Amino acid sequence: MNKIMKSATRWMLYLLAVTLIMYAAFPEWRAVALGLALGLIASGMNAFLLHRRVGIVTDAVTQEGTRVRRKGLGFGNRIATVLLLAMFGYQYPDIINLPAALSGSMVMPFLLLVAAIIHTVKENNSGKG
């Protein structure tokens, strides 16, 4: 899981660099570039929160003797991040393009999916078995 997350994060950072170059190179597209950049940042943060939560759940499952139930704001925290991004996009439409920000906030799950597929294909074609 860590290799997949690392690979997806690397690609997210590449996309973030492209949006920042787009912000600097095309002044008329600054609102779109900033919306995409903020959406990518929110998407990456949500992916790290989910990764941490999955790690906590797997650790709890491996410890059979203890019955610890952790309560938290997992899903609520991820939704609140996207809602905060949407509120900023709605409040300042000349600075942050709302559709671009919401589109950017959905990128990381697809990057994780592609990274997982590539990782699985490489693992199955490694000649073992």
Protein backbone atom coordinates (compact mmCIF):
# COMPACT_ATOMS: atom_id res chain seq x y z
CA MET A 1 0.00 0.00 0.00
CA ASN A 2 2.85 2.39 0.74
CA LYS A 3 4.35 1.92 -2.73
CA ILE A 4 1.00 2.66 -4.34
CA MET A 5 0.47 5.76 -2.21
CA LYS A 6 3.99 6.97 -2.92
CA SER A 7 3.53 6.54 -6.67
CA ALA A 8 0.15 8.29 -6.70
CA THR A 9 1.52 11.13 -4.58
CA ARG A 10 4.41 11.59 -6.99
CA TRP A 11 1.99 11.89 -9.91
CA MET A 12 -0.19 14.28 -7.93
CA LEU A 13 2.84 16.48 -7.29
CA TYR A 14 3.66 16.42 -11.02
CA LEU A 15 0.11 17.56 -11.79
CA LEU A 16 0.42 20.25 -9.12
CA ALA A 17 3.63 21.49 -10.75
CA VAL A 18 1.87 21.63 -14.13
CA THR A 19 -0.97 23.68 -12.66
CA LEU A 20 1.49 26.11 -11.07
CA ILE A 21 3.33 26.48 -14.38
CA MET A 22 -0.05 27.08 -16.03
CA TYR A 23 -0.79 29.71 -13.37
CA ALA A 24 2.44 31.55 -14.19
CA ALA A 25 2.34 31.14 -17.97
CA PHE A 26 -1.30 31.92 -18.76
CA PRO A 27 -2.65 34.93 -16.85
CA GLU A 28 -6.16 34.53 -18.26
CA TRP A 29 -6.36 30.98 -16.85
CA ARG A 30 -5.17 31.84 -13.35
CA ALA A 31 -8.51 31.15 -11.66
CA VAL A 32 -8.72 27.71 -13.28
CA ALA A 33 -5.11 26.87 -12.44
CA LEU A 34 -5.52 27.98 -8.83
CA GLY A 35 -8.77 26.01 -8.53
CA LEU A 36 -7.07 22.89 -9.88
CA ALA A 37 -4.08 23.37 -7.57
CA LEU A 38 -6.24 23.81 -4.47
CA GLY A 39 -8.38 20.84 -5.51
CA LEU A 40 -5.26 18.68 -5.92
CA ILE A 41 -4.01 19.73 -2.50
CA ALA A 42 -7.38 18.90 -0.91
CA SER A 43 -7.48 15.60 -2.76
CA GLY A 44 -4.00 14.68 -1.59
CA MET A 45 -4.81 15.60 2.00
CA ASN A 46 -7.98 13.50 1.89
CA ALA A 47 -6.03 10.55 0.46
CA PHE A 48 -3.48 10.78 3.28
CA LEU A 49 -6.28 10.93 5.86
CA LEU A 50 -7.89 7.85 4.34
CA HIS A 51 -4.53 6.06 4.16
CA ARG A 52 -3.95 6.75 7.84
CA ARG A 53 -7.43 5.52 8.73
CA VAL A 54 -6.97 2.29 6.78
CA GLY A 55 -3.67 1.76 8.60
CA ILE A 56 -5.39 2.21 11.95
CA VAL A 57 -8.11 -0.27 11.01
CA THR A 58 -5.63 -2.88 9.79
CA ASP A 59 -3.58 -2.51 12.98
CA ALA A 60 -6.74 -3.00 15.05
CA VAL A 61 -7.60 -6.14 13.09
CA THR A 62 -4.14 -7.66 13.54
CA GLN A 63 -4.32 -7.17 17.32
CA GLU A 64 -6.82 -9.91 18.04
CA GLY A 65 -6.79 -9.75 21.84
CA THR A 66 -7.66 -6.07 22.16
CA ARG A 67 -11.04 -4.75 21.29
CA VAL A 68 -10.37 -1.03 20.77
CA ARG A 69 -13.00 0.99 19.02
CA ARG A 70 -11.70 4.30 17.80
CA LYS A 71 -14.18 6.99 17.07
CA GLY A 72 -13.25 9.79 14.78
CA LEU A 73 -14.33 12.19 12.12
CA GLY A 74 -12.88 10.25 9.18
CA PHE A 75 -15.53 10.73 6.51
CA GLY A 76 -16.75 14.00 7.99
CA ASN A 77 -13.25 15.45 7.92
CA ARG A 78 -12.79 14.55 4.24
CA ILE A 79 -16.19 16.00 3.30
CA ALA A 80 -15.49 19.15 5.32
CA THR A 81 -12.26 19.68 3.38
CA VAL A 82 -14.08 19.60 0.06
CA LEU A 83 -16.91 21.79 1.41
CA LEU A 84 -14.38 24.36 2.61
CA LEU A 85 -12.81 24.35 -0.83
CA ALA A 86 -16.24 24.79 -2.41
CA MET A 87 -17.07 27.67 -0.05
CA PHE A 88 -13.86 29.47 -1.03
CA GLY A 89 -14.62 28.88 -4.70
CA TYR A 90 -18.16 30.19 -4.26
CA GLN A 91 -17.05 33.21 -2.21
CA TYR A 92 -14.21 34.24 -4.55
CA PRO A 93 -15.17 33.15 -8.09
CA ASP A 94 -12.73 35.60 -9.69
CA ILE A 95 -9.78 34.03 -7.82
CA ILE A 96 -10.76 30.32 -7.63
CA ASN A 97 -12.73 28.57 -10.35
CA LEU A 98 -15.23 26.35 -8.53
CA PRO A 99 -15.67 23.61 -11.20
CA ALA A 100 -11.88 23.33 -11.54
CA ALA A 101 -11.45 23.10 -7.77
CA LEU A 102 -14.09 20.39 -7.45
CA SER A 103 -12.61 18.50 -10.40
CA GLY A 104 -9.17 18.69 -8.83
CA SER A 105 -10.50 17.35 -5.56
CA MET A 106 -11.48 14.10 -7.31
CA VAL A 107 -8.13 13.35 -8.95
CA MET A 108 -6.29 11.43 -6.23
CA PRO A 109 -8.68 8.43 -6.06
CA PHE A 110 -8.19 7.90 -9.80
CA LEU A 111 -4.43 8.23 -9.45
CA LEU A 112 -4.53 5.65 -6.66
CA LEU A 113 -6.58 3.32 -8.83
CA VAL A 114 -4.16 3.60 -11.76
CA ALA A 115 -1.14 3.18 -9.46
CA ALA A 116 -2.71 0.07 -7.90
CA ILE A 117 -3.43 -1.45 -11.31
CA ILE A 118 0.12 -0.76 -12.51
CA HIS A 119 1.58 -2.15 -9.28
CA THR A 120 -0.54 -5.31 -9.54
CA VAL A 121 0.37 -5.89 -13.19
CA LYS A 122 4.08 -5.44 -12.44
CA GLU A 123 3.84 -7.78 -9.46
CA ASN A 124 2.03 -10.48 -11.45
CA ASN A 125 4.45 -10.26 -14.37
CA SER A 126 7.59 -10.40 -12.27
CA GLY A 127 8.25 -14.03 -13.21
CA LYS A 128 7.40 -15.47 -9.83
CA GLY A 129 4.91 -18.22 -10.15
